[in-house]
Amino acid sequence: MLGQLLIAHPLLNDGFFNRSVIYVTNFNDEEAVGLILNFKTNYKLRDFRPELNNGNFPIYEGGPVAKNQLFFLHTLGEKLNNSLHIKNNISFGGDYNELLHLINHEQVTQQQVRFFVGYTGWGAEQLSDEIERKSWLVNSPTTINFNDNESELWTEKLSEVKSSLKVFGEISHDIYCN
């Protein structure tokens, strides 16, 4: 599951996770952890770190757990100390102060890093049970593009799993979620 995308089933109606696309950053016998890629907030990095000259990086809602913490995915690889390689070109975390230094000196772009408040987590076997119940569809991306338009990401990834599901992305979210 590590490095996989979880795409919310079109009929998932739990409120928070409707139309979410989650990148799995940790998966083992005890837990699964991921970050929601397509829930952009109104915040920018400069709202948390006003001293940054280049703080226009958007902040995404990573999930309902630890909403007082900032997490990040990136494509910097070994350029950022202490980062954890997940899969293909994506790494998780690393030296936060080093990243801020690189951002402040315009050595990192918004296409290379995505910031999240909070994360999504599951206990042992919980995610597997939810996948078995078809709450989540699983997609194996070859890469993650931080340029993706988050408002269209769910529809795009849903149709990659099965092209006939694209029709759900064309239906207004309000029609089947109320």
Protein backbone atom coordinates (compact mmCIF):
# COMPACT_ATOMS: atom_id res chain seq x y z
CA MET A 1 0.00 0.00 0.00
CA LEU A 2 2.93 2.35 0.52
CA GLY A 3 2.94 4.99 -2.22
CA GLN A 4 -0.54 4.05 -3.40
CA LEU A 5 -3.44 6.41 -3.94
CA LEU A 6 -6.73 5.85 -2.18
CA ILE A 7 -9.60 7.32 -4.14
CA ALA A 8 -12.84 7.77 -2.24
CA HIS A 9 -15.60 5.64 -3.74
CA PRO A 10 -18.19 7.87 -5.46
CA LEU A 11 -20.86 6.76 -3.01
CA LEU A 12 -18.74 7.21 0.10
CA ASN A 13 -20.78 9.59 2.21
CA ASP A 14 -18.93 10.14 5.46
CA GLY A 15 -18.62 13.91 5.22
CA PHE A 16 -14.90 14.49 5.63
CA PHE A 17 -13.51 12.09 3.02
CA ASN A 18 -16.02 12.66 0.19
CA ARG A 19 -14.14 12.95 -3.11
CA SER A 20 -10.75 12.67 -1.43
CA VAL A 21 -7.54 11.36 -2.97
CA ILE A 22 -5.08 10.15 -0.35
CA TYR A 23 -1.40 9.35 -0.82
CA VAL A 24 -0.32 6.54 1.54
CA THR A 25 2.92 7.54 3.29
CA ASN A 26 3.14 4.72 5.84
CA PHE A 27 1.69 1.22 5.90
CA ASN A 28 2.56 -1.64 8.24
CA ASP A 29 0.90 -4.22 10.52
CA GLU A 30 0.00 -1.58 13.10
CA GLU A 31 -1.14 1.44 11.11
CA ALA A 32 -1.65 3.19 7.82
CA VAL A 33 -1.04 6.90 7.32
CA GLY A 34 -1.75 9.16 4.38
CA LEU A 35 -2.21 12.74 3.22
CA ILE A 36 -5.19 14.07 1.30
CA LEU A 37 -3.87 15.57 -1.94
CA ASN A 38 -6.91 17.48 -3.14
CA PHE A 39 -8.32 19.50 -0.20
CA LYS A 40 -6.68 22.88 -0.58
CA THR A 41 -7.16 25.34 2.27
CA ASN A 42 -7.19 29.14 2.11
CA TYR A 43 -3.85 29.24 3.96
CA LYS A 44 -0.38 29.76 2.59
CA LEU A 45 2.95 28.85 4.17
CA ARG A 46 3.50 32.56 4.92
CA ASP A 47 0.49 32.42 7.29
CA PHE A 48 2.50 30.03 9.46
CA ARG A 49 5.96 31.44 8.74
CA PRO A 50 5.53 35.19 7.97
CA GLU A 51 9.29 35.76 7.89
CA LEU A 52 9.55 33.86 4.58
CA ASN A 53 10.04 36.00 1.49
CA ASN A 54 8.74 33.23 -0.73
CA GLY A 55 5.89 31.88 1.41
CA ASN A 56 3.11 31.62 -1.19
CA PHE A 57 3.07 27.82 -1.06
CA PRO A 58 -0.51 26.59 -0.57
CA ILE A 59 -1.44 24.49 2.45
CA TYR A 60 -3.64 21.40 2.03
CA GLU A 61 -5.88 19.63 4.53
CA GLY A 62 -3.96 16.39 5.08
CA GLY A 63 -6.61 14.81 7.27
CA PRO A 64 -8.41 15.03 10.59
CA VAL A 65 -5.50 13.83 12.79
CA ALA A 66 -2.84 16.18 14.29
CA LYS A 67 -4.31 19.29 12.71
CA ASN A 68 -1.88 21.42 14.68
CA GLN A 69 1.10 19.98 12.79
CA LEU A 70 2.50 20.69 9.34
CA PHE A 71 3.61 17.80 7.11
CA PHE A 72 5.04 17.79 3.60
CA LEU A 73 5.62 15.63 0.55
CA HIS A 74 8.30 16.55 -1.94
CA THR A 75 10.32 15.55 -4.97
CA LEU A 76 13.63 16.77 -3.58
CA GLY A 77 14.85 13.32 -2.62
CA GLU A 78 18.29 13.34 -1.04
CA LYS A 79 18.60 17.13 -1.50
CA LEU A 80 16.64 17.40 1.76
CA ASN A 81 18.28 15.73 4.75
CA ASN A 82 16.33 13.17 6.79
CA SER A 83 13.54 12.76 4.26
CA LEU A 84 11.91 9.37 3.84
CA HIS A 85 11.70 8.08 0.27
CA ILE A 86 8.22 6.65 -0.30
CA LYS A 87 8.01 5.56 -3.93
CA ASN A 88 9.17 6.73 -7.36
CA ASN A 89 9.92 10.46 -7.08
CA ILE A 90 8.05 11.15 -3.81
CA SER A 91 9.57 11.63 -0.36
CA PHE A 92 7.97 12.48 2.97
CA GLY A 93 9.24 14.98 5.53
CA GLY A 94 12.84 15.80 6.21
CA ASP A 95 14.69 18.71 7.75
CA TYR A 96 11.97 21.38 7.99
CA ASN A 97 14.36 24.26 8.69
CA GLU A 98 16.52 23.26 5.74
CA LEU A 99 13.42 23.20 3.52
CA LEU A 100 12.39 26.67 4.72
CA HIS A 101 15.89 27.93 3.93
CA LEU A 102 15.67 26.49 0.40
CA ILE A 103 12.22 28.02 -0.09
CA ASN A 104 13.33 31.40 1.22
CA HIS A 105 16.24 31.38 -1.22
CA GLU A 106 13.98 30.33 -4.12
CA GLN A 107 15.72 26.99 -4.56
CA VAL A 108 12.45 25.06 -4.20
CA THR A 109 9.25 25.61 -6.18
CA GLN A 110 5.61 24.79 -5.50
CA GLN A 111 5.95 22.00 -8.06
CA GLN A 112 8.48 20.28 -5.76
CA VAL A 113 6.72 20.36 -2.39
CA ARG A 114 3.20 20.23 -0.98
CA PHE A 115 2.37 21.17 2.61
CA PHE A 116 -0.43 19.67 4.70
CA VAL A 117 -2.04 20.41 8.06
CA GLY A 118 -2.94 17.13 9.71
CA TYR A 119 -2.91 13.63 8.30
CA THR A 120 -5.19 10.67 7.82
CA GLY A 121 -4.65 7.54 9.88
CA TRP A 122 -6.05 4.06 10.30
CA GLY A 123 -5.46 1.42 12.94
CA ALA A 124 -4.34 -2.14 12.29
CA GLU A 125 -6.50 -3.76 9.59
CA GLN A 126 -8.88 -0.77 9.49
CA LEU A 127 -7.76 0.42 6.05
CA SER A 128 -7.80 -3.10 4.62
CA ASP A 129 -11.36 -3.52 5.91
CA GLU A 130 -12.43 -0.23 4.34
CA ILE A 131 -10.89 -1.22 0.99
CA GLU A 132 -12.62 -4.59 1.18
CA ARG A 133 -15.94 -2.80 1.82
CA LYS A 134 -15.21 -0.69 -1.28
CA SER A 135 -14.98 2.62 0.56
CA TRP A 136 -11.68 3.20 -1.24
CA LEU A 137 -10.46 2.44 -4.74
CA VAL A 138 -6.71 1.88 -5.04
CA ASN A 139 -4.50 3.36 -7.76
CA SER A 140 -0.77 2.83 -8.27
CA PRO A 141 0.60 6.12 -9.60
CA THR A 142 3.91 6.17 -11.40
CA THR A 143 4.47 9.66 -10.03
CA ILE A 144 2.66 12.46 -8.24
CA ASN A 145 2.50 15.80 -9.97
CA PHE A 146 2.13 18.70 -7.56
CA ASN A 147 0.93 20.78 -10.53
CA ASP A 148 -2.28 18.74 -10.66
CA ASN A 149 -5.44 20.78 -10.40
CA GLU A 150 -6.74 19.58 -7.04
CA SER A 151 -10.35 20.31 -7.99
CA GLU A 152 -10.15 17.76 -10.83
CA LEU A 153 -7.82 15.23 -9.19
CA TRP A 154 -10.56 13.00 -7.77
CA THR A 155 -12.34 12.70 -11.15
CA GLU A 156 -9.06 12.09 -12.95
CA LYS A 157 -7.87 9.36 -10.56
CA LEU A 158 -11.34 7.79 -10.40
CA SER A 159 -11.43 7.42 -14.17
CA GLU A 160 -7.92 5.92 -14.14
CA VAL A 161 -9.24 3.13 -11.91
CA LYS A 162 -12.25 2.55 -14.16
CA SER A 163 -13.18 4.86 -17.05
CA SER A 164 -16.92 4.40 -16.53
CA LEU A 165 -16.62 5.99 -13.06
CA LYS A 166 -15.70 9.35 -14.62
CA VAL A 167 -19.41 10.17 -14.83
CA PHE A 168 -19.47 10.61 -11.03
CA GLY A 169 -16.97 13.43 -11.33
CA GLU A 170 -19.29 15.22 -13.72
CA ILE A 171 -22.16 15.15 -11.20
CA SER A 172 -22.36 18.02 -8.77
CA HIS A 173 -21.03 17.07 -5.36
CA ASP A 174 -24.17 18.48 -3.71
CA ILE A 175 -26.58 16.22 -5.61
CA TYR A 176 -25.57 12.92 -4.06
CA CYS A 177 -24.04 14.05 -0.78
CA ASN A 178 -27.07 15.77 0.74
